Amino acid sequence: MGRISVHEFVSVDGVFENPSWTADYGFTEEMGQAIGAFTASSSAILLGRTTYEMFAPAWSTRTVDDDPGAPFFNDTPKYVVSSTLLSADDWKNSTVLGAYDAQAIRDLKKETTGIYISGSGTLVRALLADGLVDELHLLVYPVVLGSGATLFPEGTRRTPLALAAQEGFDNGVLHLTYTPAAS
């Protein structure tokens, strides 16, 4: 059964919306290795509609010369959770799953070696609430933005987590890996 690994870029105050602000900190080789480690163990990508609509035009034309992550994003099967999107034909290897259905995600986990998720806040919160996230990788940037959509807005269900690993990078970014806390 595949594991679901969520990857998010967040500010200290939890903002994850439009992470263009991360460019100020650069992207270290070690960060690339960390992200590469959990993408390498993934045979599928799961995205919410909004993130899919942002990623498709950004990644679909990139090559390995543009970004070493391009082959993963373009060649890996992608599944989009959406009750409104009818087609995902604008990015190869993409399939619309339909509205969120925890059982459909459990079935997808059984068919994969691992599932990678980035962005997709509404989807991530639903997966956490249903106990379907195996690893939550937060790359926390040393900045307070003060506004913007947060990964866990007020009213998010209480979800105990356990710190599984942490590492710091030269640019001040922390990579925190959480797993579900033991009951």
N, C-alpha and C. Protein backbone atom coordinates (compact mmCIF):
# COMPACT_ATOMS: atom_id res chain seq x y z
N MET A 1 0.84 -1.18 0.00
CA MET A 1 0.00 0.00 0.00
C MET A 1 0.88 1.24 0.00
N GLY A 2 0.53 2.19 -0.82
CA GLY A 2 1.28 3.42 -0.91
C GLY A 2 1.05 4.33 0.27
N ARG A 3 2.04 5.17 0.49
CA ARG A 3 1.97 6.16 1.56
C ARG A 3 1.65 7.52 0.95
N ILE A 4 0.90 8.32 1.66
CA ILE A 4 0.65 9.69 1.21
C ILE A 4 1.63 10.61 1.91
N SER A 5 2.43 11.31 1.11
CA SER A 5 3.40 12.28 1.61
C SER A 5 2.99 13.67 1.11
N VAL A 6 2.70 14.53 2.05
CA VAL A 6 2.31 15.91 1.73
C VAL A 6 3.53 16.80 1.89
N HIS A 7 3.73 17.70 0.94
CA HIS A 7 4.84 18.65 0.97
C HIS A 7 4.26 20.05 0.86
N GLU A 8 4.64 20.92 1.81
CA GLU A 8 4.14 22.29 1.79
C GLU A 8 5.27 23.27 2.10
N PHE A 9 5.29 24.39 1.39
CA PHE A 9 6.12 25.53 1.73
C PHE A 9 5.25 26.44 2.59
N VAL A 10 5.68 26.76 3.81
CA VAL A 10 4.89 27.61 4.70
C VAL A 10 5.78 28.67 5.36
N SER A 11 5.16 29.79 5.68
CA SER A 11 5.84 30.81 6.47
C SER A 11 5.70 30.42 7.95
N VAL A 12 6.41 31.12 8.82
CA VAL A 12 6.30 30.84 10.24
C VAL A 12 4.86 30.98 10.73
N ASP A 13 4.10 31.91 10.15
CA ASP A 13 2.70 32.07 10.55
C ASP A 13 1.74 31.20 9.74
N GLY A 14 2.28 30.22 9.03
CA GLY A 14 1.44 29.20 8.40
C GLY A 14 0.90 29.51 7.02
N VAL A 15 1.30 30.64 6.41
CA VAL A 15 0.81 30.98 5.08
C VAL A 15 1.46 30.04 4.05
N PHE A 16 0.63 29.47 3.20
CA PHE A 16 1.14 28.61 2.14
C PHE A 16 0.66 29.05 0.76
N GLU A 17 -0.19 30.04 0.74
CA GLU A 17 -0.78 30.55 -0.50
C GLU A 17 0.30 31.15 -1.40
N ASN A 18 0.24 30.85 -2.68
CA ASN A 18 1.14 31.43 -3.67
C ASN A 18 2.56 31.60 -3.12
N PRO A 19 3.31 30.51 -3.02
CA PRO A 19 4.62 30.58 -2.38
C PRO A 19 5.71 31.27 -3.19
N SER A 20 5.36 32.25 -4.01
CA SER A 20 6.37 32.99 -4.75
C SER A 20 7.32 33.72 -3.79
N TRP A 21 6.85 34.01 -2.58
CA TRP A 21 7.68 34.66 -1.56
C TRP A 21 8.87 33.81 -1.14
N THR A 22 8.85 32.52 -1.44
CA THR A 22 9.97 31.65 -1.07
C THR A 22 11.22 31.95 -1.90
N ALA A 23 11.05 32.58 -3.06
CA ALA A 23 12.18 32.87 -3.95
C ALA A 23 13.24 33.73 -3.26
N ASP A 24 12.83 34.56 -2.30
CA ASP A 24 13.79 35.41 -1.58
C ASP A 24 14.85 34.61 -0.84
N TYR A 25 14.59 33.33 -0.58
CA TYR A 25 15.48 32.50 0.22
C TYR A 25 16.31 31.53 -0.62
N GLY A 26 16.06 31.48 -1.90
CA GLY A 26 16.77 30.54 -2.75
C GLY A 26 16.30 29.11 -2.50
N PHE A 27 16.85 28.22 -3.27
CA PHE A 27 16.51 26.81 -3.16
C PHE A 27 17.82 26.04 -3.11
N THR A 28 18.17 25.55 -1.94
CA THR A 28 19.47 24.91 -1.76
C THR A 28 19.49 23.49 -2.33
N GLU A 29 20.68 23.01 -2.57
CA GLU A 29 20.84 21.64 -3.06
C GLU A 29 20.25 20.64 -2.06
N GLU A 30 20.44 20.93 -0.78
CA GLU A 30 19.89 20.04 0.26
C GLU A 30 18.36 20.03 0.25
N MET A 31 17.75 21.16 -0.04
CA MET A 31 16.29 21.19 -0.15
C MET A 31 15.84 20.32 -1.32
N GLY A 32 16.56 20.42 -2.42
CA GLY A 32 16.24 19.59 -3.58
C GLY A 32 16.37 18.11 -3.26
N GLN A 33 17.38 17.76 -2.49
CA GLN A 33 17.56 16.36 -2.10
C GLN A 33 16.43 15.88 -1.20
N ALA A 34 16.00 16.75 -0.28
CA ALA A 34 14.91 16.38 0.63
C ALA A 34 13.62 16.15 -0.14
N ILE A 35 13.29 17.07 -1.03
CA ILE A 35 12.06 16.92 -1.82
C ILE A 35 12.20 15.73 -2.77
N GLY A 36 13.38 15.57 -3.35
CA GLY A 36 13.63 14.43 -4.23
C GLY A 36 13.44 13.10 -3.54
N ALA A 37 13.75 13.03 -2.26
CA ALA A 37 13.61 11.77 -1.51
C ALA A 37 12.16 11.34 -1.42
N PHE A 38 11.24 12.29 -1.16
CA PHE A 38 9.86 11.82 -1.08
C PHE A 38 9.15 11.81 -2.41
N THR A 39 9.62 12.51 -3.41
CA THR A 39 9.03 12.33 -4.74
C THR A 39 9.49 11.00 -5.34
N ALA A 40 10.73 10.60 -5.04
CA ALA A 40 11.26 9.34 -5.57
C ALA A 40 10.46 8.13 -5.09
N SER A 41 9.85 8.25 -3.93
CA SER A 41 9.07 7.12 -3.40
C SER A 41 7.60 7.19 -3.82
N SER A 42 7.27 8.12 -4.70
CA SER A 42 5.88 8.31 -5.12
C SER A 42 5.67 7.86 -6.56
N SER A 43 4.58 7.14 -6.77
CA SER A 43 4.23 6.71 -8.12
C SER A 43 2.97 7.42 -8.62
N ALA A 44 2.47 8.38 -7.83
CA ALA A 44 1.28 9.15 -8.22
C ALA A 44 1.34 10.51 -7.54
N ILE A 45 0.64 11.46 -8.15
CA ILE A 45 0.49 12.80 -7.59
C ILE A 45 -1.01 13.03 -7.40
N LEU A 46 -1.38 13.55 -6.23
CA LEU A 46 -2.77 13.86 -5.93
C LEU A 46 -2.87 15.35 -5.67
N LEU A 47 -3.80 16.00 -6.35
CA LEU A 47 -3.94 17.45 -6.23
C LEU A 47 -5.41 17.85 -6.12
N GLY A 48 -5.64 18.95 -5.43
CA GLY A 48 -6.96 19.57 -5.46
C GLY A 48 -7.07 20.39 -6.75
N ARG A 49 -8.28 20.80 -7.07
CA ARG A 49 -8.51 21.52 -8.33
C ARG A 49 -7.70 22.81 -8.44
N THR A 50 -7.70 23.62 -7.41
CA THR A 50 -7.01 24.91 -7.49
C THR A 50 -5.51 24.71 -7.73
N THR A 51 -4.91 23.79 -7.01
CA THR A 51 -3.47 23.54 -7.20
C THR A 51 -3.22 22.95 -8.58
N TYR A 52 -4.07 22.03 -9.02
CA TYR A 52 -3.94 21.49 -10.36
C TYR A 52 -3.96 22.62 -11.40
N GLU A 53 -4.90 23.53 -11.26
CA GLU A 53 -5.02 24.62 -12.24
C GLU A 53 -3.83 25.58 -12.20
N MET A 54 -3.12 25.64 -11.08
CA MET A 54 -1.89 26.43 -11.00
C MET A 54 -0.70 25.64 -11.54
N PHE A 55 -0.63 24.34 -11.20
CA PHE A 55 0.52 23.52 -11.59
C PHE A 55 0.52 23.18 -13.08
N ALA A 56 -0.64 22.88 -13.65
CA ALA A 56 -0.68 22.41 -15.04
C ALA A 56 0.02 23.36 -16.01
N PRO A 57 -0.30 24.65 -16.03
CA PRO A 57 0.40 25.51 -16.97
C PRO A 57 1.86 25.75 -16.58
N ALA A 58 2.15 25.69 -15.28
CA ALA A 58 3.52 25.96 -14.83
C ALA A 58 4.46 24.79 -15.12
N TRP A 59 3.98 23.56 -14.95
CA TRP A 59 4.86 22.40 -15.10
C TRP A 59 4.77 21.73 -16.47
N SER A 60 3.65 21.79 -17.13
CA SER A 60 3.45 20.98 -18.35
C SER A 60 4.43 21.31 -19.47
N THR A 61 4.98 22.49 -19.48
CA THR A 61 5.92 22.86 -20.54
C THR A 61 7.38 22.82 -20.09
N ARG A 62 7.60 22.54 -18.82
CA ARG A 62 8.98 22.49 -18.31
C ARG A 62 9.67 21.20 -18.71
N THR A 63 10.97 21.30 -18.89
CA THR A 63 11.80 20.14 -19.17
C THR A 63 12.80 19.99 -18.05
N VAL A 64 13.54 18.90 -18.07
CA VAL A 64 14.57 18.67 -17.07
C VAL A 64 15.63 19.76 -17.11
N ASP A 65 15.83 20.37 -18.28
CA ASP A 65 16.77 21.49 -18.38
C ASP A 65 16.28 22.71 -17.62
N ASP A 66 14.96 22.88 -17.55
CA ASP A 66 14.37 23.99 -16.81
C ASP A 66 14.36 23.73 -15.31
N ASP A 67 14.07 22.49 -14.94
CA ASP A 67 13.92 22.12 -13.53
C ASP A 67 14.10 20.61 -13.42
N PRO A 68 14.98 20.15 -12.52
CA PRO A 68 15.17 18.70 -12.40
C PRO A 68 13.92 17.95 -11.95
N GLY A 69 12.94 18.66 -11.40
CA GLY A 69 11.69 18.01 -10.98
C GLY A 69 10.68 17.84 -12.10
N ALA A 70 10.95 18.42 -13.26
CA ALA A 70 9.97 18.37 -14.36
C ALA A 70 9.58 16.95 -14.78
N PRO A 71 10.52 16.01 -14.93
CA PRO A 71 10.09 14.66 -15.32
C PRO A 71 9.11 14.03 -14.32
N PHE A 72 9.35 14.24 -13.03
CA PHE A 72 8.43 13.69 -12.04
C PHE A 72 7.03 14.28 -12.23
N PHE A 73 6.95 15.60 -12.31
CA PHE A 73 5.64 16.24 -12.41
C PHE A 73 4.94 15.94 -13.73
N ASN A 74 5.67 15.78 -14.80
CA ASN A 74 5.04 15.58 -16.11
C ASN A 74 4.78 14.11 -16.44
N ASP A 75 5.63 13.21 -15.98
CA ASP A 75 5.49 11.80 -16.36
C ASP A 75 4.69 10.97 -15.36
N THR A 76 4.59 11.41 -14.13
CA THR A 76 3.88 10.67 -13.09
C THR A 76 2.37 10.82 -13.27
N PRO A 77 1.61 9.74 -13.08
CA PRO A 77 0.15 9.88 -13.13
C PRO A 77 -0.34 10.85 -12.07
N LYS A 78 -1.24 11.74 -12.48
CA LYS A 78 -1.79 12.76 -11.59
C LYS A 78 -3.29 12.54 -11.45
N TYR A 79 -3.77 12.69 -10.22
CA TYR A 79 -5.18 12.53 -9.92
C TYR A 79 -5.67 13.81 -9.27
N VAL A 80 -6.79 14.33 -9.78
CA VAL A 80 -7.31 15.61 -9.32
C VAL A 80 -8.64 15.38 -8.62
N VAL A 81 -8.72 15.85 -7.38
CA VAL A 81 -9.96 15.79 -6.61
C VAL A 81 -10.71 17.09 -6.87
N SER A 82 -11.89 16.96 -7.51
CA SER A 82 -12.69 18.13 -7.82
C SER A 82 -14.12 17.73 -8.13
N SER A 83 -15.04 18.51 -7.61
CA SER A 83 -16.45 18.27 -7.94
C SER A 83 -16.88 19.14 -9.13
N THR A 84 -15.99 20.03 -9.59
CA THR A 84 -16.37 20.94 -10.68
C THR A 84 -15.56 20.75 -11.96
N LEU A 85 -14.34 20.25 -11.85
CA LEU A 85 -13.49 20.08 -13.02
C LEU A 85 -13.96 18.86 -13.81
N LEU A 86 -14.20 19.04 -15.09
CA LEU A 86 -14.70 17.95 -15.91
C LEU A 86 -13.61 17.21 -16.64
N SER A 87 -12.50 17.88 -16.90
CA SER A 87 -11.43 17.28 -17.68
C SER A 87 -10.08 17.77 -17.17
N ALA A 88 -9.07 16.93 -17.32
CA ALA A 88 -7.70 17.31 -16.97
C ALA A 88 -6.79 17.04 -18.17
N ASP A 89 -7.31 17.26 -19.36
CA ASP A 89 -6.59 16.95 -20.59
C ASP A 89 -5.45 17.91 -20.90
N ASP A 90 -5.37 19.02 -20.17
CA ASP A 90 -4.35 20.01 -20.47
C ASP A 90 -2.98 19.68 -19.86
N TRP A 91 -2.88 18.55 -19.15
CA TRP A 91 -1.61 18.11 -18.58
C TRP A 91 -1.57 16.60 -18.67
N LYS A 92 -0.60 16.10 -19.42
CA LYS A 92 -0.58 14.65 -19.68
C LYS A 92 -0.58 13.84 -18.39
N ASN A 93 -1.12 12.65 -18.48
CA ASN A 93 -1.21 11.70 -17.37
C ASN A 93 -2.07 12.20 -16.22
N SER A 94 -3.08 13.01 -16.52
CA SER A 94 -3.94 13.56 -15.47
C SER A 94 -5.36 13.00 -15.59
N THR A 95 -5.94 12.69 -14.43
CA THR A 95 -7.28 12.13 -14.36
C THR A 95 -8.07 12.85 -13.27
N VAL A 96 -9.31 13.21 -13.55
CA VAL A 96 -10.18 13.79 -12.53
C VAL A 96 -10.86 12.65 -11.78
N LEU A 97 -10.71 12.66 -10.44
CA LEU A 97 -11.34 11.62 -9.61
C LEU A 97 -12.77 11.95 -9.25
N GLY A 98 -13.13 13.22 -9.31
CA GLY A 98 -14.45 13.65 -8.87
C GLY A 98 -14.33 14.28 -7.48
N ALA A 99 -15.48 14.45 -6.84
CA ALA A 99 -15.52 15.07 -5.51
C ALA A 99 -14.73 14.22 -4.51
N TYR A 100 -14.32 14.85 -3.43
CA TYR A 100 -13.55 14.15 -2.40
C TYR A 100 -14.33 12.96 -1.88
N ASP A 101 -13.64 11.82 -1.85
CA ASP A 101 -14.21 10.56 -1.37
C ASP A 101 -13.07 9.81 -0.69
N ALA A 102 -13.12 9.73 0.64
CA ALA A 102 -12.03 9.09 1.39
C ALA A 102 -11.79 7.66 0.91
N GLN A 103 -12.83 6.93 0.59
CA GLN A 103 -12.65 5.54 0.15
C GLN A 103 -11.93 5.48 -1.20
N ALA A 104 -12.23 6.41 -2.09
CA ALA A 104 -11.53 6.45 -3.38
C ALA A 104 -10.04 6.71 -3.17
N ILE A 105 -9.70 7.53 -2.19
CA ILE A 105 -8.29 7.79 -1.88
C ILE A 105 -7.66 6.54 -1.26
N ARG A 106 -8.37 5.85 -0.39
CA ARG A 106 -7.84 4.59 0.17
C ARG A 106 -7.57 3.59 -0.96
N ASP A 107 -8.48 3.52 -1.91
CA ASP A 107 -8.30 2.61 -3.05
C ASP A 107 -7.08 3.02 -3.88
N LEU A 108 -6.90 4.32 -4.09
CA LEU A 108 -5.74 4.80 -4.84
C LEU A 108 -4.45 4.46 -4.10
N LYS A 109 -4.45 4.58 -2.78
CA LYS A 109 -3.26 4.22 -1.99
C LYS A 109 -2.87 2.76 -2.23
N LYS A 110 -3.86 1.89 -2.35
CA LYS A 110 -3.60 0.46 -2.58
C LYS A 110 -2.97 0.19 -3.93
N GLU A 111 -3.22 1.09 -4.90
CA GLU A 111 -2.73 0.89 -6.26
C GLU A 111 -1.36 1.52 -6.51
N THR A 112 -0.81 2.21 -5.53
CA THR A 112 0.43 2.95 -5.74
C THR A 112 1.50 2.53 -4.74
N THR A 113 2.73 2.93 -5.04
CA THR A 113 3.80 2.76 -4.06
C THR A 113 3.89 3.97 -3.14
N GLY A 114 3.33 5.08 -3.58
CA GLY A 114 3.33 6.30 -2.79
C GLY A 114 2.63 7.40 -3.55
N ILE A 115 2.04 8.34 -2.82
CA ILE A 115 1.32 9.46 -3.41
C ILE A 115 1.92 10.75 -2.87
N TYR A 116 2.24 11.65 -3.77
CA TYR A 116 2.80 12.96 -3.43
C TYR A 116 1.72 14.01 -3.57
N ILE A 117 1.65 14.92 -2.59
CA ILE A 117 0.71 16.03 -2.64
C ILE A 117 1.48 17.31 -2.30
N SER A 118 1.18 18.37 -3.03
CA SER A 118 1.72 19.69 -2.71
C SER A 118 0.57 20.69 -2.82
N GLY A 119 0.64 21.76 -2.03
CA GLY A 119 -0.46 22.72 -2.04
C GLY A 119 -1.73 22.03 -1.61
N SER A 120 -2.83 22.29 -2.31
CA SER A 120 -4.08 21.54 -2.11
C SER A 120 -4.56 21.56 -0.67
N GLY A 121 -4.61 22.74 -0.06
CA GLY A 121 -4.94 22.86 1.36
C GLY A 121 -6.24 22.21 1.77
N THR A 122 -7.31 22.43 1.02
CA THR A 122 -8.61 21.84 1.37
C THR A 122 -8.51 20.31 1.35
N LEU A 123 -7.87 19.79 0.33
CA LEU A 123 -7.68 18.34 0.21
C LEU A 123 -6.82 17.82 1.36
N VAL A 124 -5.73 18.48 1.66
CA VAL A 124 -4.83 18.04 2.74
C VAL A 124 -5.56 18.01 4.07
N ARG A 125 -6.35 19.04 4.37
CA ARG A 125 -7.10 19.06 5.63
C ARG A 125 -8.10 17.89 5.69
N ALA A 126 -8.76 17.59 4.59
CA ALA A 126 -9.70 16.46 4.56
C ALA A 126 -8.97 15.13 4.76
N LEU A 127 -7.83 14.98 4.10
CA LEU A 127 -7.06 13.75 4.24
C LEU A 127 -6.55 13.57 5.67
N LEU A 128 -6.09 14.65 6.28
CA LEU A 128 -5.64 14.58 7.68
C LEU A 128 -6.80 14.19 8.59
N ALA A 129 -7.96 14.81 8.38
CA ALA A 129 -9.13 14.51 9.21
C ALA A 129 -9.54 13.05 9.08
N ASP A 130 -9.34 12.47 7.90
CA ASP A 130 -9.71 11.07 7.66
C ASP A 130 -8.57 10.10 7.95
N GLY A 131 -7.46 10.61 8.47
CA GLY A 131 -6.34 9.74 8.84
C GLY A 131 -5.60 9.13 7.66
N LEU A 132 -5.61 9.82 6.53
CA LEU A 132 -5.00 9.26 5.32
C LEU A 132 -3.60 9.78 5.01
N VAL A 133 -3.14 10.80 5.72
CA VAL A 133 -1.79 11.33 5.49
C VAL A 133 -0.80 10.53 6.32
N ASP A 134 0.24 10.03 5.67
CA ASP A 134 1.27 9.27 6.36
C ASP A 134 2.44 10.14 6.79
N GLU A 135 2.77 11.14 5.97
CA GLU A 135 3.86 12.06 6.29
C GLU A 135 3.46 13.47 5.85
N LEU A 136 3.71 14.43 6.74
CA LEU A 136 3.47 15.83 6.43
C LEU A 136 4.83 16.52 6.49
N HIS A 137 5.31 16.94 5.32
CA HIS A 137 6.61 17.61 5.21
C HIS A 137 6.38 19.10 5.09
N LEU A 138 6.75 19.84 6.12
CA LEU A 138 6.62 21.29 6.10
C LEU A 138 8.00 21.91 5.93
N LEU A 139 8.17 22.69 4.88
CA LEU A 139 9.38 23.48 4.73
C LEU A 139 9.02 24.88 5.21
N VAL A 140 9.47 25.20 6.42
CA VAL A 140 9.09 26.42 7.11
C VAL A 140 10.14 27.50 6.86
N TYR A 141 9.68 28.58 6.25
CA TYR A 141 10.56 29.70 5.89
C TYR A 141 10.59 30.73 7.02
N PRO A 142 11.76 31.33 7.25
CA PRO A 142 11.92 32.26 8.37
C PRO A 142 11.34 33.64 8.08
N VAL A 143 10.04 33.68 7.90
CA VAL A 143 9.37 34.95 7.62
C VAL A 143 7.94 34.87 8.14
N VAL A 144 7.47 35.98 8.69
CA VAL A 144 6.06 36.13 9.05
C VAL A 144 5.45 37.02 7.97
N LEU A 145 4.46 36.50 7.26
CA LEU A 145 3.86 37.26 6.16
C LEU A 145 2.69 38.13 6.62
N GLY A 146 2.00 37.71 7.66
CA GLY A 146 0.93 38.54 8.20
C GLY A 146 -0.39 38.47 7.47
N SER A 147 -0.41 37.92 6.28
CA SER A 147 -1.67 37.75 5.55
C SER A 147 -1.49 36.68 4.50
N GLY A 148 -2.61 36.16 4.06
CA GLY A 148 -2.60 35.09 3.05
C GLY A 148 -3.26 33.85 3.62
N ALA A 149 -3.64 32.96 2.75
CA ALA A 149 -4.29 31.72 3.16
C ALA A 149 -3.30 30.86 3.93
N THR A 150 -3.76 30.37 5.09
CA THR A 150 -2.91 29.50 5.90
C THR A 150 -3.28 28.04 5.68
N LEU A 151 -2.32 27.18 5.88
CA LEU A 151 -2.57 25.75 5.68
C LEU A 151 -3.64 25.25 6.65
N PHE A 152 -3.61 25.76 7.87
CA PHE A 152 -4.58 25.33 8.88
C PHE A 152 -5.30 26.56 9.44
N PRO A 153 -6.34 27.02 8.74
CA PRO A 153 -7.06 28.21 9.19
C PRO A 153 -7.87 27.91 10.46
N GLU A 154 -8.33 28.98 11.09
CA GLU A 154 -9.16 28.83 12.28
C GLU A 154 -10.32 27.91 11.96
N GLY A 155 -10.63 27.02 12.89
CA GLY A 155 -11.71 26.07 12.71
C GLY A 155 -11.25 24.71 12.19
N THR A 156 -9.96 24.60 11.86
CA THR A 156 -9.43 23.30 11.42
C THR A 156 -9.50 22.32 12.59
N ARG A 157 -9.90 21.12 12.27
CA ARG A 157 -10.05 20.06 13.28
C ARG A 157 -8.71 19.77 13.98
N ARG A 158 -8.74 19.56 15.27
CA ARG A 158 -7.55 19.21 16.05
C ARG A 158 -7.01 17.88 15.54
N THR A 159 -5.72 17.86 15.22
CA THR A 159 -5.08 16.66 14.66
C THR A 159 -3.71 16.48 15.30
N PRO A 160 -3.57 15.59 16.28
CA PRO A 160 -2.27 15.38 16.91
C PRO A 160 -1.27 14.76 15.92
N LEU A 161 -0.06 15.29 15.93
CA LEU A 161 1.01 14.80 15.05
C LEU A 161 2.24 14.49 15.89
N ALA A 162 3.13 13.68 15.34
CA ALA A 162 4.40 13.37 15.99
C ALA A 162 5.53 13.82 15.09
N LEU A 163 6.52 14.49 15.66
CA LEU A 163 7.68 14.92 14.90
C LEU A 163 8.53 13.69 14.59
N ALA A 164 8.70 13.39 13.30
CA ALA A 164 9.47 12.22 12.88
C ALA A 164 10.90 12.58 12.50
N ALA A 165 11.10 13.80 12.01
CA ALA A 165 12.44 14.23 11.60
C ALA A 165 12.46 15.74 11.44
N GLN A 166 13.66 16.30 11.53
CA GLN A 166 13.82 17.72 11.27
C GLN A 166 15.22 17.96 10.74
N GLU A 167 15.33 18.94 9.86
CA GLU A 167 16.64 19.36 9.37
C GLU A 167 16.57 20.83 9.01
N GLY A 168 17.68 21.51 9.18
CA GLY A 168 17.76 22.91 8.84
C GLY A 168 18.66 23.11 7.64
N PHE A 169 18.37 24.11 6.85
CA PHE A 169 19.16 24.42 5.67
C PHE A 169 19.86 25.76 5.86
N ASP A 170 20.92 25.97 5.11
CA ASP A 170 21.73 27.18 5.24
C ASP A 170 20.94 28.47 5.01
N ASN A 171 19.83 28.42 4.29
CA ASN A 171 19.05 29.62 4.02
C ASN A 171 18.02 29.91 5.12
N GLY A 172 18.08 29.16 6.22
CA GLY A 172 17.18 29.39 7.34
C GLY A 172 15.89 28.60 7.30
N VAL A 173 15.66 27.86 6.24
CA VAL A 173 14.45 27.05 6.10
C VAL A 173 14.59 25.78 6.93
N LEU A 174 13.53 25.42 7.63
CA LEU A 174 13.48 24.17 8.39
C LEU A 174 12.58 23.17 7.68
N HIS A 175 13.02 21.94 7.58
CA HIS A 175 12.20 20.85 7.04
C HIS A 175 11.75 20.02 8.23
N LEU A 176 10.46 20.11 8.52
CA LEU A 176 9.87 19.37 9.63
C LEU A 176 8.99 18.26 9.06
N THR A 177 9.23 17.04 9.48
CA THR A 177 8.43 15.90 9.02
C THR A 177 7.59 15.39 10.17
N TYR A 178 6.29 15.36 9.95
CA TYR A 178 5.36 14.88 10.96
C TYR A 178 4.63 13.62 10.44
N THR A 179 4.29 12.77 11.37
CA THR A 179 3.47 11.60 11.09
C THR A 179 2.28 11.64 12.05
N PRO A 180 1.26 10.83 11.81
CA PRO A 180 0.14 10.81 12.77
C PRO A 180 0.65 10.39 14.14
N ALA A 181 0.15 11.05 15.19
CA ALA A 181 0.52 10.69 16.55
C ALA A 181 -0.14 9.37 16.92
N ALA A 182 0.57 8.58 17.71
CA ALA A 182 0.00 7.31 18.17
C ALA A 182 -1.21 7.60 19.04
N SER A 183 -2.23 6.81 18.89
CA SER A 183 -3.48 7.03 19.66
C SER A 183 -3.31 6.62 21.09
